[in-house]
Amino acid sequence: MLIRSKSPKNGWGKFDRNVFLMDMSAGAKVLYGFLSASRPGDVYSDKDLAKAFKISQQTLTRQKKELKDNKLLLVEQIQPRIYVAYVGSTEASAKKVRDEWNIRDTLI
C-alpha cells in the first residue's frame, strides 16, 4: 500500500509507530498517540480526555494503566490535584523521560 497524505499546518505531531505494534488495546494506542503528539506544557484533565475520546473515566483509567504497564506513561503528583505526565517511547521509557526532565529542571 502506497500512502500519500498531506499533514495539516497545525494540530499534528510525531509519535513512535512501534507502539502500534505492541500488545495493547486500540484505545490505549490512540491515547498514546495523542499524548505523545502533545507539546510540553499542554494541560489536559482526565475529564477533558474522556470527553474528547467519548469514553468513560473507567475506560480512560484502564487505557492509562496499559500505557503505564508498558513503561510508556509515568504520572506523578507534584501538588494536591496537580499531576505531571511523562510520555516515553519504545526507545526511552517514561521513567527515563522523567529523569531527563529532572536534570533539566536542576540546571535552570
Protein backbone atom coordinates (compact mmCIF):
# COMPACT_ATOMS: atom_id res chain seq x y z
CA MET A 1 0.00 0.00 0.00
CA LEU A 2 1.40 3.37 -1.02
CA ILE A 3 0.48 6.13 1.40
CA ARG A 4 0.03 9.66 0.21
CA SER A 5 -1.14 12.29 2.63
CA LYS A 6 -0.99 15.95 3.48
CA SER A 7 -0.49 16.98 7.10
CA PRO A 8 -2.41 19.97 8.41
CA LYS A 9 -0.44 23.09 9.28
CA ASN A 10 -1.50 22.93 12.95
CA GLY A 11 -2.69 20.23 15.30
CA TRP A 12 -0.45 17.31 14.42
CA GLY A 13 2.66 15.74 15.89
CA LYS A 14 5.05 12.81 15.71
CA PHE A 15 4.87 9.60 17.73
CA ASP A 16 6.57 6.24 17.99
CA ARG A 17 5.00 4.00 15.34
CA ASN A 18 6.43 0.90 17.05
CA VAL A 19 3.94 1.40 19.88
CA PHE A 20 1.17 0.46 17.47
CA LEU A 21 2.74 -3.00 17.13
CA MET A 22 2.65 -3.59 20.89
CA ASP A 23 0.10 -5.84 22.61
CA MET A 24 -2.29 -3.17 23.91
CA SER A 25 -5.85 -2.15 23.21
CA ALA A 26 -6.56 0.14 20.28
CA GLY A 27 -7.82 2.76 22.73
CA ALA A 28 -4.53 2.75 24.66
CA LYS A 29 -2.64 3.17 21.41
CA VAL A 30 -4.80 6.11 20.36
CA LEU A 31 -4.34 7.71 23.78
CA TYR A 32 -0.58 7.21 23.44
CA GLY A 33 -0.62 8.86 20.01
CA PHE A 34 -2.49 11.85 21.40
CA LEU A 35 -0.29 12.24 24.46
CA SER A 36 2.99 11.77 22.60
CA ALA A 37 1.98 14.30 19.96
CA SER A 38 1.14 16.88 22.64
CA ARG A 39 3.60 19.68 23.26
CA PRO A 40 5.43 20.00 26.58
CA GLY A 41 3.33 22.28 28.75
CA ASP A 42 -0.03 21.24 27.30
CA VAL A 43 -2.56 20.62 30.07
CA TYR A 44 -5.36 18.04 29.98
CA SER A 45 -7.54 16.75 32.77
CA ASP A 46 -8.86 13.21 32.78
CA LYS A 47 -12.30 14.74 32.28
CA ASP A 48 -11.05 16.56 29.14
CA LEU A 49 -9.52 13.39 27.74
CA ALA A 50 -12.56 11.22 28.47
CA LYS A 51 -14.83 13.78 26.84
CA ALA A 52 -12.58 14.20 23.78
CA PHE A 53 -12.39 10.44 23.20
CA LYS A 54 -16.03 9.86 24.18
CA ILE A 55 -15.07 7.24 26.76
CA SER A 56 -15.82 6.76 30.44
CA GLN A 57 -13.39 7.65 33.22
CA GLN A 58 -13.10 3.92 33.93
CA THR A 59 -12.04 3.22 30.33
CA LEU A 60 -9.54 6.07 30.39
CA THR A 61 -8.07 4.76 33.64
CA ARG A 62 -7.73 1.28 32.10
CA GLN A 63 -6.02 2.69 28.99
CA LYS A 64 -3.63 4.76 31.09
CA LYS A 65 -2.81 1.61 33.11
CA GLU A 66 -1.93 -0.22 29.89
CA LEU A 67 0.47 2.59 28.96
CA LYS A 68 1.96 2.56 32.47
CA ASP A 69 2.37 -1.23 32.42
CA ASN A 70 4.27 -0.91 29.14
CA LYS A 71 6.50 1.86 30.57
CA LEU A 72 5.11 4.41 28.12
CA LEU A 73 3.44 6.63 30.73
CA LEU A 74 4.50 7.77 34.17
CA VAL A 75 2.26 10.09 36.20
CA GLU A 76 3.48 11.84 39.33
CA GLN A 77 1.55 14.03 41.71
CA ILE A 78 3.50 17.21 42.46
CA GLN A 79 0.84 19.10 44.45
CA PRO A 80 -2.71 18.36 45.54
CA ARG A 81 -4.73 17.84 42.33
CA ILE A 82 -1.70 18.66 40.15
CA TYR A 83 0.00 15.88 38.21
CA VAL A 84 2.80 15.68 35.67
CA ALA A 85 2.67 13.02 32.96
CA TYR A 86 5.84 11.78 31.30
CA VAL A 87 5.37 10.06 27.95
CA GLY A 88 8.04 7.62 26.82
CA SER A 89 8.62 5.57 23.70
CA THR A 90 9.92 2.15 22.73
CA GLU A 91 13.43 3.64 22.86
CA ALA A 92 13.14 5.62 26.11
CA SER A 93 10.82 4.63 28.96
CA ALA A 94 8.63 7.23 30.63
CA LYS A 95 10.91 6.94 33.69
CA LYS A 96 13.91 7.90 31.54
CA VAL A 97 11.96 10.87 30.17
CA ARG A 98 11.17 11.93 33.75
CA ASP A 99 14.82 11.62 34.75
CA GLU A 100 15.89 13.78 31.79
CA TRP A 101 13.32 16.46 32.71
CA ASN A 102 14.53 16.39 36.32
CA ILE A 103 18.09 17.02 35.13
CA ARG A 104 16.89 19.98 33.03
CA ASP A 105 14.97 21.38 35.98
CA THR A 106 18.06 21.29 38.21
CA LEU A 107 20.07 23.19 35.58
CA ILE A 108 17.59 26.07 35.44
